[in-house]
C-alpha cells in the first residue's frame, strides 16, 4: 500500500555536537534501521477503514525517528544535503499528520489524495542520503 512506502521514507538532521563523517553515517543508518524495523512491525492496513489504525500506530514512530535524526549534527561536508533531507522529512511528517487528521474526520479520499501527492520528495531524500554515504537512510522505499 502506498501509505507504507510514504511513511517509511526518509531521515532527518541538525543538532548537538558535530560528528565525524563516519560517526554520522553509522549513527544515522542505525537510527534509520531501527525506525524502519519499528514501522515494519506495524500491521499493514487490510482495508481503507483500517488505514486510520495504521496511521495512528505509525505517527508516533515517525515522530520519534525524525526527532532522533534531527538530534544528529552532521559534519560540515554534509550540511547542505542533510539540511534538505531534514526539510523533506519535516514536510513528510506534516503531511502524514494531515492524513491522520483527514482520517479522524472520516475523509478517506482526502487522506489518499495527500498520500498520492507526497510521493516525489522521498525520492530526493533517498538520493541525498545515498550521496553522503548512508545506506539504511538512503534505501529506495518504493
C-alpha atoms as a PDB file:
ATOM      1  CA  UNK A   1       0.000   0.000   0.000  1.00  0.00           C
ATOM      2  CA  UNK A   2       1.298   3.469  -0.881  1.00  0.00           C
ATOM      3  CA  UNK A   3       0.951   4.798   2.660  1.00  0.00           C
ATOM      4  CA  UNK A   4       3.519   2.325   3.974  1.00  0.00           C
ATOM      5  CA  UNK A   5       6.039   3.495   1.392  1.00  0.00           C
ATOM      6  CA  UNK A   6       5.328   7.113   2.214  1.00  0.00           C
ATOM      7  CA  UNK A   7       5.637   6.525   5.946  1.00  0.00           C
ATOM      8  CA  UNK A   8       8.860   4.562   5.596  1.00  0.00           C
ATOM      9  CA  UNK A   9      10.642   7.207   3.562  1.00  0.00           C
ATOM     10  CA  UNK A  10      13.286   9.474   4.934  1.00  0.00           C
ATOM     11  CA  UNK A  11      15.741  10.582   7.548  1.00  0.00           C
ATOM     12  CA  UNK A  12      16.457  13.954   9.268  1.00  0.00           C
ATOM     13  CA  UNK A  13      19.294  16.010  10.917  1.00  0.00           C
ATOM     14  CA  UNK A  14      20.742  19.124  12.655  1.00  0.00           C
ATOM     15  CA  UNK A  15      21.723  19.409  16.367  1.00  0.00           C
ATOM     16  CA  UNK A  16      24.176  18.957  19.219  1.00  0.00           C
ATOM     17  CA  UNK A  17      27.894  18.361  18.541  1.00  0.00           C
ATOM     18  CA  UNK A  18      29.318  17.819  15.086  1.00  0.00           C
ATOM     19  CA  UNK A  19      30.117  14.207  14.299  1.00  0.00           C
ATOM     20  CA  UNK A  20      32.826  12.915  12.008  1.00  0.00           C
ATOM     21  CA  UNK A  21      31.625  11.676   8.626  1.00  0.00           C
ATOM     22  CA  UNK A  22      31.924   8.045   9.704  1.00  0.00           C
ATOM     23  CA  UNK A  23      30.245   8.611  13.092  1.00  0.00           C
ATOM     24  CA  UNK A  24      27.428  10.444  11.378  1.00  0.00           C
ATOM     25  CA  UNK A  25      26.907   7.698   8.797  1.00  0.00           C
ATOM     26  CA  UNK A  26      26.928   4.985  11.471  1.00  0.00           C
ATOM     27  CA  UNK A  27      24.529   6.797  13.797  1.00  0.00           C
ATOM     28  CA  UNK A  28      22.113   7.932  11.076  1.00  0.00           C
ATOM     29  CA  UNK A  29      21.983   4.483   9.484  1.00  0.00           C
ATOM     30  CA  UNK A  30      21.445   2.842  12.890  1.00  0.00           C
ATOM     31  CA  UNK A  31      18.539   5.191  13.616  1.00  0.00           C
ATOM     32  CA  UNK A  32      17.045   4.609  10.159  1.00  0.00           C
ATOM     33  CA  UNK A  33      17.353   0.833  10.550  1.00  0.00           C
ATOM     34  CA  UNK A  34      15.668   0.942  13.974  1.00  0.00           C
ATOM     35  CA  UNK A  35      12.931   3.246  12.681  1.00  0.00           C
ATOM     36  CA  UNK A  36      12.329   1.029   9.639  1.00  0.00           C
ATOM     37  CA  UNK A  37      12.094  -2.097  11.829  1.00  0.00           C
ATOM     38  CA  UNK A  38       9.552  -0.455  14.134  1.00  0.00           C
ATOM     39  CA  UNK A  39       7.499   0.828  11.222  1.00  0.00           C
ATOM     40  CA  UNK A  40       7.557  -2.564   9.503  1.00  0.00           C
ATOM     41  CA  UNK A  41       6.252  -4.124  12.727  1.00  0.00           C
ATOM     42  CA  UNK A  42       3.043  -2.106  12.459  1.00  0.00           C
ATOM     43  CA  UNK A  43       0.399  -4.362  10.975  1.00  0.00           C
ATOM     44  CA  UNK A  44      -0.390  -3.216   7.440  1.00  0.00           C
ATOM     45  CA  UNK A  45      -3.916  -1.915   6.843  1.00  0.00           C
ATOM     46  CA  UNK A  46      -6.252  -4.508   5.384  1.00  0.00           C
ATOM     47  CA  UNK A  47      -8.881  -2.061   4.151  1.00  0.00           C
ATOM     48  CA  UNK A  48      -9.491   1.668   3.769  1.00  0.00           C
ATOM     49  CA  UNK A  49     -11.331   1.545   7.102  1.00  0.00           C
ATOM     50  CA  UNK A  50      -8.212   0.069   8.752  1.00  0.00           C
ATOM     51  CA  UNK A  51      -5.998   2.867   7.441  1.00  0.00           C
ATOM     52  CA  UNK A  52      -6.740   5.114  10.446  1.00  0.00           C
ATOM     53  CA  UNK A  53      -5.450   2.481  12.872  1.00  0.00           C
ATOM     54  CA  UNK A  54      -2.313   2.044  10.795  1.00  0.00           C
ATOM     55  CA  UNK A  55      -1.607   5.780  10.612  1.00  0.00           C
ATOM     56  CA  UNK A  56      -2.355   6.248  14.320  1.00  0.00           C
ATOM     57  CA  UNK A  57       0.151   3.491  15.139  1.00  0.00           C
ATOM     58  CA  UNK A  58       2.773   4.778  12.696  1.00  0.00           C
ATOM     59  CA  UNK A  59       2.759   8.520  13.501  1.00  0.00           C
ATOM     60  CA  UNK A  60       4.480   8.235  16.921  1.00  0.00           C
ATOM     61  CA  UNK A  61       7.179   6.020  15.377  1.00  0.00           C
ATOM     62  CA  UNK A  62       7.759   8.564  12.616  1.00  0.00           C
ATOM     63  CA  UNK A  63       7.861  11.414  15.121  1.00  0.00           C
ATOM     64  CA  UNK A  64      10.408   9.601  17.312  1.00  0.00           C
ATOM     65  CA  UNK A  65      12.597   8.593  14.374  1.00  0.00           C
ATOM     66  CA  UNK A  66      12.542  12.081  12.921  1.00  0.00           C
ATOM     67  CA  UNK A  67      13.479  13.602  16.289  1.00  0.00           C
ATOM     68  CA  UNK A  68      16.358  11.189  16.832  1.00  0.00           C
ATOM     69  CA  UNK A  69      17.728  12.032  13.402  1.00  0.00           C
ATOM     70  CA  UNK A  70      17.205  15.753  13.966  1.00  0.00           C
ATOM     71  CA  UNK A  71      19.362  15.470  17.085  1.00  0.00           C
ATOM     72  CA  UNK A  72      22.369  14.422  14.968  1.00  0.00           C
ATOM     73  CA  UNK A  73      24.831  17.111  13.939  1.00  0.00           C
ATOM     74  CA  UNK A  74      26.334  16.252  10.563  1.00  0.00           C
ATOM     75  CA  UNK A  75      29.868  17.209   9.611  1.00  0.00           C
ATOM     76  CA  UNK A  76      30.197  20.410   7.606  1.00  0.00           C
ATOM     77  CA  UNK A  77      30.760  18.479   4.381  1.00  0.00           C
ATOM     78  CA  UNK A  78      27.234  17.003   4.610  1.00  0.00           C
ATOM     79  CA  UNK A  79      25.433  20.080   5.917  1.00  0.00           C
ATOM     80  CA  UNK A  80      23.723  21.228   2.699  1.00  0.00           C
ATOM     81  CA  UNK A  81      22.439  17.792   1.736  1.00  0.00           C
ATOM     82  CA  UNK A  82      21.382  16.924   5.275  1.00  0.00           C
ATOM     83  CA  UNK A  83      19.555  20.234   5.704  1.00  0.00           C
ATOM     84  CA  UNK A  84      17.461  19.401   2.638  1.00  0.00           C
ATOM     85  CA  UNK A  85      16.825  15.857   3.898  1.00  0.00           C
ATOM     86  CA  UNK A  86      15.605  17.345   7.191  1.00  0.00           C
ATOM     87  CA  UNK A  87      13.288  19.719   5.331  1.00  0.00           C
ATOM     88  CA  UNK A  88      11.832  16.859   3.298  1.00  0.00           C
ATOM     89  CA  UNK A  89      11.299  14.728   6.375  1.00  0.00           C
ATOM     90  CA  UNK A  90       9.586  17.556   8.213  1.00  0.00           C
ATOM     91  CA  UNK A  91       7.320  18.054   5.176  1.00  0.00           C
ATOM     92  CA  UNK A  92       6.542  14.315   5.147  1.00  0.00           C
ATOM     93  CA  UNK A  93       5.798  14.335   8.870  1.00  0.00           C
ATOM     94  CA  UNK A  94       3.440  17.285   8.449  1.00  0.00           C
ATOM     95  CA  UNK A  95       1.704  15.538   5.560  1.00  0.00           C
ATOM     96  CA  UNK A  96       1.205  12.323   7.496  1.00  0.00           C
ATOM     97  CA  UNK A  97      -0.264  14.361  10.355  1.00  0.00           C
ATOM     98  CA  UNK A  98      -2.634  15.895   7.786  1.00  0.00           C
ATOM     99  CA  UNK A  99      -3.508  12.355   6.662  1.00  0.00           C
ATOM    100  CA  UNK A 100      -4.191  11.453  10.277  1.00  0.00           C
ATOM    101  CA  UNK A 101      -6.495  14.477  10.645  1.00  0.00           C
ATOM    102  CA  UNK A 102      -8.341  13.619   7.440  1.00  0.00           C
ATOM    103  CA  UNK A 103      -8.886  10.079   8.679  1.00  0.00           C
ATOM    104  CA  UNK A 104     -10.112  11.350  12.061  1.00  0.00           C
ATOM    105  CA  UNK A 105     -12.682  13.336  10.083  1.00  0.00           C
ATOM    106  CA  UNK A 106     -13.595  10.192   8.086  1.00  0.00           C
ATOM    107  CA  UNK A 107     -12.291  11.770   4.881  1.00  0.00           C
ATOM    108  CA  UNK A 108     -10.552   8.753   3.348  1.00  0.00           C
ATOM    109  CA  UNK A 109     -10.496  10.387  -0.098  1.00  0.00           C
ATOM    110  CA  UNK A 110      -8.531  13.382   1.245  1.00  0.00           C
ATOM    111  CA  UNK A 111      -6.141  11.068   3.081  1.00  0.00           C
ATOM    112  CA  UNK A 112      -5.499   9.086  -0.095  1.00  0.00           C
ATOM    113  CA  UNK A 113      -5.021  12.292  -2.107  1.00  0.00           C
ATOM    114  CA  UNK A 114      -2.429  13.552   0.391  1.00  0.00           C
ATOM    115  CA  UNK A 115      -0.554  10.254   0.276  1.00  0.00           C
ATOM    116  CA  UNK A 116      -0.510  10.176  -3.528  1.00  0.00           C
ATOM    117  CA  UNK A 117       0.666  13.780  -3.822  1.00  0.00           C
ATOM    118  CA  UNK A 118       3.536  13.221  -1.383  1.00  0.00           C
ATOM    119  CA  UNK A 119       5.316  10.574  -3.436  1.00  0.00           C
ATOM    120  CA  UNK A 120       8.053  12.591  -5.154  1.00  0.00           C
ATOM    121  CA  UNK A 121      10.054  14.171  -2.358  1.00  0.00           C
ATOM    122  CA  UNK A 122      11.076  10.929  -0.652  1.00  0.00           C
ATOM    123  CA  UNK A 123      12.998  10.002  -3.812  1.00  0.00           C
ATOM    124  CA  UNK A 124      15.004  13.217  -3.393  1.00  0.00           C
ATOM    125  CA  UNK A 125      15.663  12.455   0.281  1.00  0.00           C
ATOM    126  CA  UNK A 126      16.833   8.929  -0.577  1.00  0.00           C
ATOM    127  CA  UNK A 127      19.142  10.254  -3.308  1.00  0.00           C
ATOM    128  CA  UNK A 128      20.673  12.860  -0.982  1.00  0.00           C
ATOM    129  CA  UNK A 129      21.160  10.299   1.782  1.00  0.00           C
ATOM    130  CA  UNK A 130      22.965   7.981  -0.636  1.00  0.00           C
ATOM    131  CA  UNK A 131      25.144  10.875  -1.854  1.00  0.00           C
ATOM    132  CA  UNK A 132      26.541  11.336   1.653  1.00  0.00           C
ATOM    133  CA  UNK A 133      27.172   7.630   2.066  1.00  0.00           C
ATOM    134  CA  UNK A 134      24.129   6.474   4.014  1.00  0.00           C
ATOM    135  CA  UNK A 135      22.798   3.032   3.210  1.00  0.00           C
ATOM    136  CA  UNK A 136      19.823   2.479   5.519  1.00  0.00           C
ATOM    137  CA  UNK A 137      18.510   6.043   5.265  1.00  0.00           C
ATOM    138  CA  UNK A 138      19.037   6.055   1.518  1.00  0.00           C
ATOM    139  CA  UNK A 139      17.147   2.851   0.780  1.00  0.00           C
ATOM    140  CA  UNK A 140      14.676   3.004  -2.053  1.00  0.00           C
ATOM    141  CA  UNK A 141      11.335   2.599  -0.274  1.00  0.00           C
ATOM    142  CA  UNK A 142       9.224   2.489  -3.411  1.00  0.00           C
END
